[in-house]
Amino acid sequence: MTGTYRGVPGHVRREQRRQVLISTGLDCLHEDGLAGISVRSICARSRLTPRYFYESFADLDALLTAVIDTVAEEVVARGVEAVAAGETIEEQIRGAIDAGYGVVAEDRRKATAILICAAGHGPLRERRHALLVEFAQIITDTLPLTSPSQPSTQALALFILGGAFDVIEAVLSGRLPLTRTELTDELTAMWLAALRAHHVTRDDDSTGLRH
C-alpha cells in the first residue's frame, strides 16, 4: 500500500517502519548479540512481516549497517554541537568527548552496537573503520588546527580516535574503573598533548593550535 492510509502518506509509513526496524535491531544486538540476530527475530520482535523488512533493507547486514550509522550520526551531531559551544580548543575537545560518551553511556544498546558488535563482524567492521575515518575528517575540519588538511594531522586524529573507542569500551564494560568526568579529563589531556606534540614536530610551534 503506497497511498495515504488513515491520513498518513505511504512514504511516511515506510520511514516509520524503517525506524522501528532500526530500533529493534539495537534491541536485538544488545540482548542477543550477533550470533542471535536474524531477519526472522527482527520481524518477530518488531511485529512486521519480512515484506516490510525487505521494503527498507536488502538483507540483515544492510539493517545492521543502518543501526551503526544511526548511532554514529547521533555521536557526530552531539559532538559538533559541543564543539560549537566551546570557546577554547580544550573546551571544544572536552565537550565533544563528553557528548560522544554520553550517547553510548546513556543507552547501552548503542554502546553494544558501535563499540562491540561493529568491531567483530565483517561488514560492520568495515563500516566502523570507514566511520572512524569520517570522524577524523570531521574533527580536523571542525577544530581550529593550524594544518587540518595535512594527511599527518588526519592520521593523528584517526589514531587517537581508535584508542578512544577502546578506552570507552573498557570503561563501559567495567574493565577500566573511571568515572565519566575522569574519562573525559584523561581523553582531553591525551588529545591536547598529542596535538601539541604533533604540531611542534611539524610546524615548530609551541602550541600548534589556534585559540
N, C-alpha and C. Protein backbone atom coordinates (compact mmCIF):
# COMPACT_ATOMS: atom_id res chain seq x y z
N MET A 1 0.85 -1.18 0.00
CA MET A 1 0.00 0.00 0.00
C MET A 1 0.89 1.24 0.00
N THR A 2 0.79 2.02 -1.10
CA THR A 2 1.69 3.15 -1.25
C THR A 2 1.00 4.49 -1.06
N GLY A 3 -0.34 4.51 -1.05
CA GLY A 3 -1.05 5.77 -0.92
C GLY A 3 -1.25 6.15 0.53
N THR A 4 -2.09 7.16 0.73
CA THR A 4 -2.39 7.63 2.08
C THR A 4 -3.32 6.65 2.78
N TYR A 5 -2.99 6.34 4.04
CA TYR A 5 -3.80 5.41 4.83
C TYR A 5 -4.03 6.04 6.19
N ARG A 6 -5.31 6.24 6.52
CA ARG A 6 -5.67 6.90 7.77
C ARG A 6 -4.94 8.23 7.94
N GLY A 7 -4.84 8.93 6.84
CA GLY A 7 -4.26 10.26 6.87
C GLY A 7 -2.75 10.31 6.82
N VAL A 8 -2.08 9.14 6.78
CA VAL A 8 -0.61 9.09 6.78
C VAL A 8 -0.13 8.66 5.40
N PRO A 9 0.67 9.51 4.72
CA PRO A 9 1.17 9.16 3.39
C PRO A 9 2.03 7.90 3.42
N GLY A 10 2.10 7.22 2.29
CA GLY A 10 2.85 5.97 2.21
C GLY A 10 4.32 6.13 2.55
N HIS A 11 4.96 7.20 2.07
CA HIS A 11 6.39 7.36 2.34
C HIS A 11 6.67 7.60 3.81
N VAL A 12 5.70 8.22 4.51
CA VAL A 12 5.86 8.44 5.96
C VAL A 12 5.76 7.11 6.69
N ARG A 13 4.80 6.28 6.29
CA ARG A 13 4.65 4.97 6.93
C ARG A 13 5.88 4.11 6.69
N ARG A 14 6.45 4.17 5.49
CA ARG A 14 7.66 3.40 5.21
C ARG A 14 8.82 3.83 6.11
N GLU A 15 8.96 5.14 6.29
CA GLU A 15 10.04 5.63 7.15
C GLU A 15 9.79 5.24 8.61
N GLN A 16 8.53 5.26 9.03
CA GLN A 16 8.21 4.84 10.39
C GLN A 16 8.57 3.37 10.59
N ARG A 17 8.25 2.53 9.62
CA ARG A 17 8.60 1.11 9.73
C ARG A 17 10.12 0.93 9.74
N ARG A 18 10.81 1.71 8.93
CA ARG A 18 12.27 1.62 8.89
C ARG A 18 12.87 1.96 10.25
N GLN A 19 12.36 3.00 10.89
CA GLN A 19 12.88 3.39 12.20
C GLN A 19 12.56 2.34 13.26
N VAL A 20 11.39 1.72 13.15
CA VAL A 20 11.05 0.63 14.08
C VAL A 20 12.04 -0.53 13.92
N LEU A 21 12.38 -0.86 12.69
CA LEU A 21 13.33 -1.95 12.45
C LEU A 21 14.72 -1.61 12.97
N ILE A 22 15.14 -0.37 12.81
CA ILE A 22 16.45 0.04 13.33
C ILE A 22 16.47 -0.03 14.85
N SER A 23 15.42 0.47 15.49
CA SER A 23 15.34 0.41 16.95
C SER A 23 15.31 -1.04 17.43
N THR A 24 14.58 -1.88 16.72
CA THR A 24 14.54 -3.30 17.08
C THR A 24 15.90 -3.94 16.89
N GLY A 25 16.61 -3.53 15.85
CA GLY A 25 17.96 -4.03 15.64
C GLY A 25 18.87 -3.70 16.80
N LEU A 26 18.75 -2.48 17.32
CA LEU A 26 19.51 -2.10 18.51
C LEU A 26 19.19 -3.01 19.68
N ASP A 27 17.90 -3.25 19.89
CA ASP A 27 17.48 -4.13 20.99
C ASP A 27 18.07 -5.53 20.85
N CYS A 28 17.93 -6.09 19.66
CA CYS A 28 18.37 -7.47 19.44
C CYS A 28 19.89 -7.61 19.52
N LEU A 29 20.62 -6.64 18.99
CA LEU A 29 22.07 -6.69 19.10
C LEU A 29 22.51 -6.67 20.56
N HIS A 30 21.86 -5.82 21.34
CA HIS A 30 22.25 -5.68 22.74
C HIS A 30 21.91 -6.93 23.55
N GLU A 31 20.75 -7.51 23.28
CA GLU A 31 20.28 -8.63 24.10
C GLU A 31 20.75 -9.99 23.58
N ASP A 32 20.85 -10.14 22.27
CA ASP A 32 21.15 -11.45 21.69
C ASP A 32 22.52 -11.54 21.04
N GLY A 33 23.14 -10.39 20.77
CA GLY A 33 24.43 -10.39 20.09
C GLY A 33 24.31 -10.75 18.63
N LEU A 34 25.42 -10.71 17.94
CA LEU A 34 25.41 -11.02 16.51
C LEU A 34 24.99 -12.46 16.23
N ALA A 35 25.34 -13.37 17.14
CA ALA A 35 25.02 -14.78 16.91
C ALA A 35 23.52 -15.05 16.97
N GLY A 36 22.79 -14.21 17.71
CA GLY A 36 21.37 -14.49 17.91
C GLY A 36 20.43 -13.65 17.07
N ILE A 37 20.97 -12.76 16.25
CA ILE A 37 20.11 -11.86 15.49
C ILE A 37 19.87 -12.42 14.09
N SER A 38 18.66 -12.23 13.59
CA SER A 38 18.31 -12.71 12.25
C SER A 38 17.15 -11.86 11.73
N VAL A 39 16.89 -11.96 10.45
CA VAL A 39 15.73 -11.26 9.89
C VAL A 39 14.47 -11.74 10.58
N ARG A 40 14.38 -13.04 10.84
CA ARG A 40 13.19 -13.60 11.49
C ARG A 40 13.01 -13.01 12.89
N SER A 41 14.10 -12.93 13.67
CA SER A 41 13.97 -12.41 15.03
C SER A 41 13.63 -10.92 15.02
N ILE A 42 14.18 -10.19 14.06
CA ILE A 42 13.86 -8.77 13.93
C ILE A 42 12.38 -8.59 13.60
N CYS A 43 11.89 -9.36 12.67
CA CYS A 43 10.48 -9.25 12.26
C CYS A 43 9.54 -9.65 13.40
N ALA A 44 9.89 -10.72 14.10
CA ALA A 44 9.04 -11.17 15.20
C ALA A 44 8.95 -10.12 16.29
N ARG A 45 10.09 -9.55 16.62
CA ARG A 45 10.10 -8.57 17.71
C ARG A 45 9.43 -7.26 17.31
N SER A 46 9.62 -6.86 16.07
CA SER A 46 9.03 -5.59 15.62
C SER A 46 7.57 -5.74 15.20
N ARG A 47 7.12 -6.99 15.07
CA ARG A 47 5.77 -7.29 14.61
C ARG A 47 5.53 -6.77 13.19
N LEU A 48 6.58 -6.85 12.40
CA LEU A 48 6.49 -6.50 10.99
C LEU A 48 6.83 -7.75 10.17
N THR A 49 6.18 -7.91 9.05
CA THR A 49 6.43 -9.08 8.21
C THR A 49 7.74 -8.91 7.44
N PRO A 50 8.31 -10.02 6.95
CA PRO A 50 9.52 -9.92 6.13
C PRO A 50 9.35 -8.99 4.93
N ARG A 51 8.14 -8.91 4.41
CA ARG A 51 7.89 -7.99 3.29
C ARG A 51 8.28 -6.57 3.67
N TYR A 52 7.93 -6.16 4.88
CA TYR A 52 8.26 -4.80 5.29
C TYR A 52 9.74 -4.66 5.62
N PHE A 53 10.35 -5.74 6.08
CA PHE A 53 11.80 -5.68 6.30
C PHE A 53 12.51 -5.39 4.99
N TYR A 54 12.18 -6.18 3.96
CA TYR A 54 12.88 -6.05 2.68
C TYR A 54 12.44 -4.81 1.90
N GLU A 55 11.39 -4.18 2.37
CA GLU A 55 10.99 -2.89 1.81
C GLU A 55 12.06 -1.83 2.07
N SER A 56 12.76 -1.97 3.21
CA SER A 56 13.76 -0.97 3.60
C SER A 56 15.19 -1.47 3.51
N PHE A 57 15.40 -2.79 3.64
CA PHE A 57 16.76 -3.32 3.72
C PHE A 57 16.93 -4.53 2.82
N ALA A 58 18.07 -4.58 2.13
CA ALA A 58 18.33 -5.69 1.21
C ALA A 58 18.56 -6.99 1.96
N ASP A 59 19.18 -6.89 3.14
CA ASP A 59 19.48 -8.08 3.93
C ASP A 59 19.80 -7.65 5.36
N LEU A 60 20.16 -8.61 6.19
CA LEU A 60 20.43 -8.31 7.60
C LEU A 60 21.61 -7.36 7.76
N ASP A 61 22.66 -7.56 6.97
CA ASP A 61 23.82 -6.67 7.08
C ASP A 61 23.45 -5.23 6.76
N ALA A 62 22.53 -5.03 5.83
CA ALA A 62 22.10 -3.67 5.49
C ALA A 62 21.41 -3.02 6.69
N LEU A 63 20.59 -3.79 7.40
CA LEU A 63 19.95 -3.26 8.60
C LEU A 63 20.99 -2.94 9.66
N LEU A 64 21.92 -3.86 9.90
CA LEU A 64 22.93 -3.65 10.93
C LEU A 64 23.80 -2.44 10.61
N THR A 65 24.10 -2.24 9.34
CA THR A 65 24.87 -1.06 8.94
C THR A 65 24.07 0.20 9.22
N ALA A 66 22.77 0.17 8.97
CA ALA A 66 21.92 1.33 9.27
C ALA A 66 21.88 1.60 10.77
N VAL A 67 21.89 0.54 11.57
CA VAL A 67 21.93 0.71 13.03
C VAL A 67 23.20 1.45 13.43
N ILE A 68 24.35 1.00 12.91
CA ILE A 68 25.62 1.63 13.23
C ILE A 68 25.63 3.08 12.76
N ASP A 69 25.13 3.33 11.56
CA ASP A 69 25.11 4.69 11.03
C ASP A 69 24.23 5.61 11.87
N THR A 70 23.12 5.09 12.36
CA THR A 70 22.22 5.90 13.18
C THR A 70 22.91 6.33 14.47
N VAL A 71 23.62 5.41 15.11
CA VAL A 71 24.36 5.76 16.32
C VAL A 71 25.46 6.76 15.99
N ALA A 72 26.17 6.53 14.91
CA ALA A 72 27.27 7.42 14.51
C ALA A 72 26.76 8.83 14.23
N GLU A 73 25.62 8.94 13.57
CA GLU A 73 25.06 10.25 13.27
C GLU A 73 24.74 11.02 14.55
N GLU A 74 24.25 10.32 15.55
CA GLU A 74 23.96 10.97 16.83
C GLU A 74 25.23 11.43 17.51
N VAL A 75 26.26 10.59 17.49
CA VAL A 75 27.55 10.96 18.08
C VAL A 75 28.10 12.21 17.41
N VAL A 76 28.06 12.24 16.08
CA VAL A 76 28.58 13.40 15.34
C VAL A 76 27.77 14.64 15.65
N ALA A 77 26.45 14.53 15.62
CA ALA A 77 25.60 15.70 15.85
C ALA A 77 25.84 16.30 17.23
N ARG A 78 25.90 15.46 18.24
CA ARG A 78 26.12 15.97 19.59
C ARG A 78 27.53 16.49 19.76
N GLY A 79 28.50 15.84 19.11
CA GLY A 79 29.88 16.31 19.20
C GLY A 79 30.08 17.65 18.54
N VAL A 80 29.54 17.82 17.35
CA VAL A 80 29.67 19.09 16.63
C VAL A 80 28.99 20.22 17.41
N GLU A 81 27.84 19.92 17.99
CA GLU A 81 27.14 20.91 18.81
C GLU A 81 28.00 21.32 20.00
N ALA A 82 28.66 20.37 20.62
CA ALA A 82 29.52 20.66 21.78
C ALA A 82 30.73 21.49 21.36
N VAL A 83 31.31 21.18 20.21
CA VAL A 83 32.46 21.96 19.73
C VAL A 83 32.05 23.40 19.47
N ALA A 84 30.88 23.59 18.89
CA ALA A 84 30.41 24.94 18.60
C ALA A 84 30.19 25.75 19.87
N ALA A 85 29.89 25.08 20.97
CA ALA A 85 29.64 25.78 22.22
C ALA A 85 30.91 26.12 22.98
N GLY A 86 32.04 25.51 22.64
CA GLY A 86 33.29 25.75 23.36
C GLY A 86 34.01 26.98 22.85
N GLU A 87 34.62 27.72 23.77
CA GLU A 87 35.35 28.93 23.39
C GLU A 87 36.82 28.66 23.13
N THR A 88 37.40 27.69 23.80
CA THR A 88 38.80 27.33 23.59
C THR A 88 38.86 25.92 23.04
N ILE A 89 40.01 25.57 22.49
CA ILE A 89 40.12 24.23 21.93
C ILE A 89 39.99 23.16 23.02
N GLU A 90 40.44 23.46 24.23
CA GLU A 90 40.28 22.49 25.32
C GLU A 90 38.80 22.28 25.62
N GLU A 91 38.04 23.37 25.67
CA GLU A 91 36.60 23.24 25.91
C GLU A 91 35.92 22.48 24.78
N GLN A 92 36.37 22.72 23.56
CA GLN A 92 35.78 22.05 22.41
C GLN A 92 36.04 20.55 22.44
N ILE A 93 37.28 20.18 22.71
CA ILE A 93 37.63 18.76 22.78
C ILE A 93 36.91 18.09 23.94
N ARG A 94 36.94 18.73 25.09
CA ARG A 94 36.28 18.16 26.27
C ARG A 94 34.78 17.98 26.01
N GLY A 95 34.17 19.00 25.44
CA GLY A 95 32.74 18.93 25.17
C GLY A 95 32.39 17.83 24.19
N ALA A 96 33.20 17.68 23.14
CA ALA A 96 32.94 16.65 22.13
C ALA A 96 33.10 15.26 22.72
N ILE A 97 34.12 15.07 23.54
CA ILE A 97 34.34 13.76 24.17
C ILE A 97 33.18 13.41 25.09
N ASP A 98 32.79 14.36 25.93
CA ASP A 98 31.71 14.10 26.88
C ASP A 98 30.39 13.85 26.15
N ALA A 99 30.15 14.61 25.09
CA ALA A 99 28.91 14.43 24.33
C ALA A 99 28.88 13.06 23.65
N GLY A 100 29.99 12.68 23.02
CA GLY A 100 30.04 11.38 22.36
C GLY A 100 29.91 10.24 23.35
N TYR A 101 30.59 10.38 24.49
CA TYR A 101 30.49 9.35 25.52
C TYR A 101 29.06 9.24 26.03
N GLY A 102 28.41 10.39 26.16
CA GLY A 102 27.04 10.39 26.65
C GLY A 102 26.10 9.56 25.79
N VAL A 103 26.30 9.60 24.49
CA VAL A 103 25.44 8.84 23.58
C VAL A 103 25.46 7.35 23.92
N VAL A 104 26.66 6.80 24.13
CA VAL A 104 26.78 5.35 24.37
C VAL A 104 26.62 4.98 25.84
N ALA A 105 26.93 5.92 26.75
CA ALA A 105 26.79 5.61 28.17
C ALA A 105 25.34 5.67 28.62
N GLU A 106 24.57 6.55 28.01
CA GLU A 106 23.18 6.73 28.40
C GLU A 106 22.25 5.70 27.76
N ASP A 107 22.71 5.04 26.72
CA ASP A 107 21.92 3.99 26.06
C ASP A 107 22.89 2.87 25.69
N ARG A 108 22.96 1.86 26.54
CA ARG A 108 23.95 0.81 26.34
C ARG A 108 23.72 0.00 25.07
N ARG A 109 22.52 0.06 24.52
CA ARG A 109 22.30 -0.60 23.23
C ARG A 109 23.23 -0.01 22.18
N LYS A 110 23.39 1.30 22.23
CA LYS A 110 24.23 1.99 21.24
C LYS A 110 25.70 1.65 21.46
N ALA A 111 26.09 1.50 22.71
CA ALA A 111 27.47 1.10 23.01
C ALA A 111 27.75 -0.29 22.46
N THR A 112 26.81 -1.21 22.69
CA THR A 112 26.98 -2.58 22.19
C THR A 112 27.12 -2.59 20.68
N ALA A 113 26.31 -1.78 20.02
CA ALA A 113 26.31 -1.77 18.55
C ALA A 113 27.61 -1.24 17.98
N ILE A 114 28.00 -0.04 18.39
CA ILE A 114 29.11 0.62 17.71
C ILE A 114 30.48 0.26 18.28
N LEU A 115 30.53 -0.13 19.55
CA LEU A 115 31.83 -0.41 20.17
C LEU A 115 32.18 -1.89 20.17
N ILE A 116 31.17 -2.76 20.23
CA ILE A 116 31.44 -4.19 20.38
C ILE A 116 31.09 -4.96 19.10
N CYS A 117 29.81 -4.92 18.73
CA CYS A 117 29.38 -5.71 17.57
C CYS A 117 30.05 -5.24 16.29
N ALA A 118 30.17 -3.93 16.12
CA ALA A 118 30.76 -3.41 14.89
C ALA A 118 32.24 -3.74 14.78
N ALA A 119 32.87 -4.05 15.91
CA ALA A 119 34.31 -4.36 15.87
C ALA A 119 34.57 -5.82 15.51
N GLY A 120 33.52 -6.66 15.55
CA GLY A 120 33.76 -8.09 15.38
C GLY A 120 33.08 -8.75 14.21
N HIS A 121 32.33 -8.00 13.42
CA HIS A 121 31.57 -8.58 12.30
C HIS A 121 32.06 -7.96 11.01
N GLY A 122 32.36 -8.78 10.01
CA GLY A 122 32.98 -8.33 8.77
C GLY A 122 32.45 -7.04 8.18
N PRO A 123 31.22 -7.02 7.66
CA PRO A 123 30.69 -5.80 7.05
C PRO A 123 30.59 -4.64 8.05
N LEU A 124 30.23 -4.95 9.28
CA LEU A 124 30.14 -3.89 10.29
C LEU A 124 31.51 -3.38 10.66
N ARG A 125 32.49 -4.26 10.70
CA ARG A 125 33.86 -3.84 10.99
C ARG A 125 34.36 -2.88 9.92
N GLU A 126 34.05 -3.20 8.67
CA GLU A 126 34.45 -2.31 7.57
C GLU A 126 33.75 -0.96 7.69
N ARG A 127 32.47 -0.99 8.05
CA ARG A 127 31.73 0.28 8.21
C ARG A 127 32.27 1.06 9.39
N ARG A 128 32.62 0.38 10.46
CA ARG A 128 33.19 1.06 11.63
C ARG A 128 34.50 1.74 11.26
N HIS A 129 35.35 1.07 10.50
CA HIS A 129 36.60 1.67 10.06
C HIS A 129 36.34 2.91 9.20
N ALA A 130 35.35 2.81 8.31
CA ALA A 130 35.01 3.95 7.46
C ALA A 130 34.49 5.11 8.31
N LEU A 131 33.71 4.80 9.33
CA LEU A 131 33.19 5.85 10.20
C LEU A 131 34.31 6.52 10.99
N LEU A 132 35.29 5.75 11.43
CA LEU A 132 36.43 6.35 12.12
C LEU A 132 37.14 7.35 11.22
N VAL A 133 37.30 7.00 9.96
CA VAL A 133 37.92 7.93 9.01
C VAL A 133 37.06 9.19 8.86
N GLU A 134 35.74 9.00 8.78
CA GLU A 134 34.84 10.14 8.66
C GLU A 134 34.89 11.00 9.92
N PHE A 135 34.90 10.36 11.09
CA PHE A 135 35.02 11.11 12.35
C PHE A 135 36.31 11.92 12.37
N ALA A 136 37.40 11.31 11.96
CA ALA A 136 38.69 12.00 11.95
C ALA A 136 38.64 13.22 11.04
N GLN A 137 37.99 13.07 9.89
CA GLN A 137 37.86 14.19 8.96
C GLN A 137 37.03 15.31 9.57
N ILE A 138 35.94 14.94 10.23
CA ILE A 138 35.09 15.94 10.87
C ILE A 138 35.86 16.69 11.95
N ILE A 139 36.64 15.96 12.72
CA ILE A 139 37.42 16.58 13.80
C ILE A 139 38.43 17.57 13.23
N THR A 140 39.17 17.16 12.21
CA THR A 140 40.18 18.06 11.65
C THR A 140 39.55 19.24 10.93
N ASP A 141 38.33 19.06 10.43
CA ASP A 141 37.63 20.17 9.78
C ASP A 141 37.02 21.13 10.79
N THR A 142 36.68 20.62 11.98
CA THR A 142 35.93 21.41 12.95
C THR A 142 36.82 22.13 13.95
N LEU A 143 37.84 21.44 14.46
CA LEU A 143 38.72 22.06 15.45
C LEU A 143 39.64 23.08 14.79
N PRO A 144 40.02 24.13 15.53
CA PRO A 144 40.89 25.17 14.96
C PRO A 144 42.36 24.76 14.95
N LEU A 145 42.70 23.83 14.09
CA LEU A 145 44.08 23.36 13.99
C LEU A 145 44.85 24.19 12.97
N THR A 146 46.16 24.22 13.12
CA THR A 146 46.97 25.03 12.21
C THR A 146 47.12 24.39 10.84
N SER A 147 47.05 23.07 10.76
CA SER A 147 47.21 22.39 9.46
C SER A 147 46.24 21.23 9.35
N PRO A 148 44.92 21.52 9.36
CA PRO A 148 43.93 20.45 9.39
C PRO A 148 43.91 19.56 8.16
N SER A 149 44.34 20.09 7.02
CA SER A 149 44.25 19.31 5.79
C SER A 149 45.44 18.39 5.56
N GLN A 150 46.46 18.50 6.41
CA GLN A 150 47.63 17.65 6.25
C GLN A 150 47.26 16.19 6.53
N PRO A 151 47.67 15.26 5.68
CA PRO A 151 47.40 13.84 5.95
C PRO A 151 47.92 13.40 7.31
N SER A 152 49.04 13.97 7.74
CA SER A 152 49.59 13.58 9.04
C SER A 152 48.67 13.99 10.18
N THR A 153 47.99 15.13 10.05
CA THR A 153 47.04 15.56 11.07
C THR A 153 45.84 14.63 11.10
N GLN A 154 45.34 14.27 9.93
CA GLN A 154 44.21 13.35 9.85
C GLN A 154 44.59 11.96 10.37
N ALA A 155 45.82 11.55 10.09
CA ALA A 155 46.29 10.25 10.60
C ALA A 155 46.34 10.26 12.12
N LEU A 156 46.78 11.39 12.69
CA LEU A 156 46.84 11.50 14.14
C LEU A 156 45.44 11.42 14.74
N ALA A 157 44.50 12.15 14.13
CA ALA A 157 43.12 12.12 14.63
C ALA A 157 42.55 10.71 14.57
N LEU A 158 42.83 10.00 13.49
CA LEU A 158 42.34 8.63 13.34
C LEU A 158 42.97 7.71 14.38
N PHE A 159 44.25 7.90 14.64
CA PHE A 159 44.97 7.10 15.63
C PHE A 159 44.37 7.31 17.03
N ILE A 160 44.14 8.57 17.39
CA ILE A 160 43.61 8.86 18.72
C ILE A 160 42.17 8.37 18.85
N LEU A 161 41.39 8.53 17.80
CA LEU A 161 40.00 8.08 17.84
C LEU A 161 39.91 6.57 18.09
N GLY A 162 40.73 5.80 17.39
CA GLY A 162 40.71 4.36 17.59
C GLY A 162 41.01 3.99 19.03
N GLY A 163 41.99 4.64 19.61
CA GLY A 163 42.32 4.40 21.01
C GLY A 163 41.21 4.84 21.94
N ALA A 164 40.58 5.98 21.63
CA ALA A 164 39.49 6.48 22.46
C ALA A 164 38.32 5.51 22.47
N PHE A 165 38.00 4.92 21.32
CA PHE A 165 36.93 3.93 21.26
C PHE A 165 37.23 2.76 22.19
N ASP A 166 38.48 2.30 22.17
CA ASP A 166 38.86 1.17 23.02
C ASP A 166 38.78 1.53 24.50
N VAL A 167 39.21 2.74 24.85
CA VAL A 167 39.16 3.18 26.24
C VAL A 167 37.71 3.27 26.71
N ILE A 168 36.86 3.86 25.89
CA ILE A 168 35.44 4.00 26.26
C ILE A 168 34.79 2.63 26.44
N GLU A 169 35.09 1.70 25.55
CA GLU A 169 34.53 0.34 25.68
C GLU A 169 35.01 -0.31 26.96
N ALA A 170 36.28 -0.09 27.33
CA ALA A 170 36.82 -0.67 28.56
C ALA A 170 36.15 -0.07 29.79
N VAL A 171 35.86 1.22 29.75
CA VAL A 171 35.18 1.87 30.87
C VAL A 171 33.75 1.34 31.01
N LEU A 172 33.04 1.27 29.91
CA LEU A 172 31.65 0.83 29.96
C LEU A 172 31.52 -0.64 30.36
N SER A 173 32.52 -1.45 30.03
CA SER A 173 32.48 -2.86 30.40
C SER A 173 32.94 -3.10 31.83
N GLY A 174 33.46 -2.05 32.48
CA GLY A 174 33.92 -2.18 33.85
C GLY A 174 35.36 -2.60 34.00
N ARG A 175 36.06 -2.81 32.88
CA ARG A 175 37.46 -3.23 32.96
C ARG A 175 38.39 -2.08 33.34
N LEU A 176 37.94 -0.86 33.10
CA LEU A 176 38.74 0.32 33.42
C LEU A 176 37.91 1.21 34.33
N PRO A 177 38.27 1.29 35.64
CA PRO A 177 37.42 1.98 36.61
C PRO A 177 37.60 3.50 36.58
N LEU A 178 36.97 4.15 35.61
CA LEU A 178 36.99 5.61 35.53
C LEU A 178 35.57 6.14 35.54
N THR A 179 35.36 7.25 36.24
CA THR A 179 34.07 7.92 36.17
C THR A 179 33.97 8.67 34.84
N ARG A 180 32.80 9.16 34.55
CA ARG A 180 32.62 9.92 33.31
C ARG A 180 33.53 11.15 33.29
N THR A 181 33.60 11.84 34.41
CA THR A 181 34.46 13.02 34.49
C THR A 181 35.93 12.65 34.33
N GLU A 182 36.35 11.58 35.00
CA GLU A 182 37.74 11.14 34.89
C GLU A 182 38.08 10.73 33.46
N LEU A 183 37.17 10.01 32.83
CA LEU A 183 37.39 9.60 31.45
C LEU A 183 37.54 10.81 30.54
N THR A 184 36.63 11.77 30.69
CA THR A 184 36.69 12.97 29.86
C THR A 184 37.98 13.73 30.10
N ASP A 185 38.39 13.86 31.36
CA ASP A 185 39.64 14.55 31.68
C ASP A 185 40.84 13.85 31.03
N GLU A 186 40.89 12.53 31.16
CA GLU A 186 42.03 11.78 30.63
C GLU A 186 42.10 11.88 29.10
N LEU A 187 40.98 11.67 28.43
CA LEU A 187 40.99 11.71 26.98
C LEU A 187 41.26 13.12 26.45
N THR A 188 40.74 14.12 27.15
CA THR A 188 41.02 15.51 26.75
C THR A 188 42.51 15.80 26.85
N ALA A 189 43.11 15.40 27.96
CA ALA A 189 44.55 15.62 28.14
C ALA A 189 45.36 14.91 27.06
N MET A 190 44.95 13.69 26.72
CA MET A 190 45.66 12.94 25.68
C MET A 190 45.54 13.62 24.32
N TRP A 191 44.34 14.07 24.00
CA TRP A 191 44.13 14.77 22.73
C TRP A 191 45.01 16.02 22.65
N LEU A 192 44.98 16.83 23.70
CA LEU A 192 45.75 18.07 23.68
C LEU A 192 47.24 17.80 23.59
N ALA A 193 47.71 16.83 24.36
CA ALA A 193 49.14 16.51 24.34
C ALA A 193 49.56 16.01 22.96
N ALA A 194 48.75 15.15 22.37
CA ALA A 194 49.10 14.60 21.06
C ALA A 194 49.09 15.68 19.98
N LEU A 195 48.10 16.55 20.00
CA LEU A 195 48.02 17.61 19.01
C LEU A 195 49.18 18.58 19.13
N ARG A 196 49.51 18.92 20.36
CA ARG A 196 50.61 19.86 20.57
C ARG A 196 51.94 19.24 20.16
N ALA A 197 52.15 18.00 20.55
CA ALA A 197 53.40 17.33 20.18
C ALA A 197 53.51 17.18 18.67
N HIS A 198 52.42 16.85 18.05
CA HIS A 198 52.41 16.68 16.60
C HIS A 198 52.76 17.99 15.90
N HIS A 199 52.17 19.07 16.34
CA HIS A 199 52.39 20.33 15.65
C HIS A 199 53.72 20.96 16.01
N VAL A 200 54.26 20.66 17.17
CA VAL A 200 55.63 21.08 17.47
C VAL A 200 56.58 20.46 16.46
N THR A 201 56.38 19.18 16.20
CA THR A 201 57.24 18.45 15.26
C THR A 201 57.08 18.98 13.84
N ARG A 202 55.84 19.25 13.42
CA ARG A 202 55.59 19.63 12.04
C ARG A 202 55.79 21.12 11.78
N ASP A 203 55.39 21.95 12.75
CA ASP A 203 55.32 23.38 12.49
C ASP A 203 56.27 24.22 13.33
N ASP A 204 57.02 23.56 14.23
CA ASP A 204 57.90 24.28 15.14
C ASP A 204 57.14 25.37 15.88
N ASP A 205 55.95 25.01 16.34
CA ASP A 205 55.06 25.94 17.03
C ASP A 205 54.85 25.38 18.43
N SER A 206 55.05 26.18 19.44
CA SER A 206 54.98 25.69 20.82
C SER A 206 53.58 25.29 21.22
N THR A 207 52.59 25.80 20.51
CA THR A 207 51.23 25.38 20.80
C THR A 207 50.67 24.52 19.69
N GLY A 208 50.93 24.93 18.45
CA GLY A 208 50.40 24.17 17.32
C GLY A 208 48.91 24.31 17.16
N LEU A 209 48.29 25.19 17.97
CA LEU A 209 46.85 25.32 17.96
C LEU A 209 46.48 26.79 17.95
N ARG A 210 45.39 27.09 17.28
CA ARG A 210 44.88 28.45 17.30
C ARG A 210 43.78 28.51 18.33
N HIS A 211 43.85 29.48 19.22
CA HIS A 211 42.80 29.63 20.24
C HIS A 211 41.92 30.81 19.87
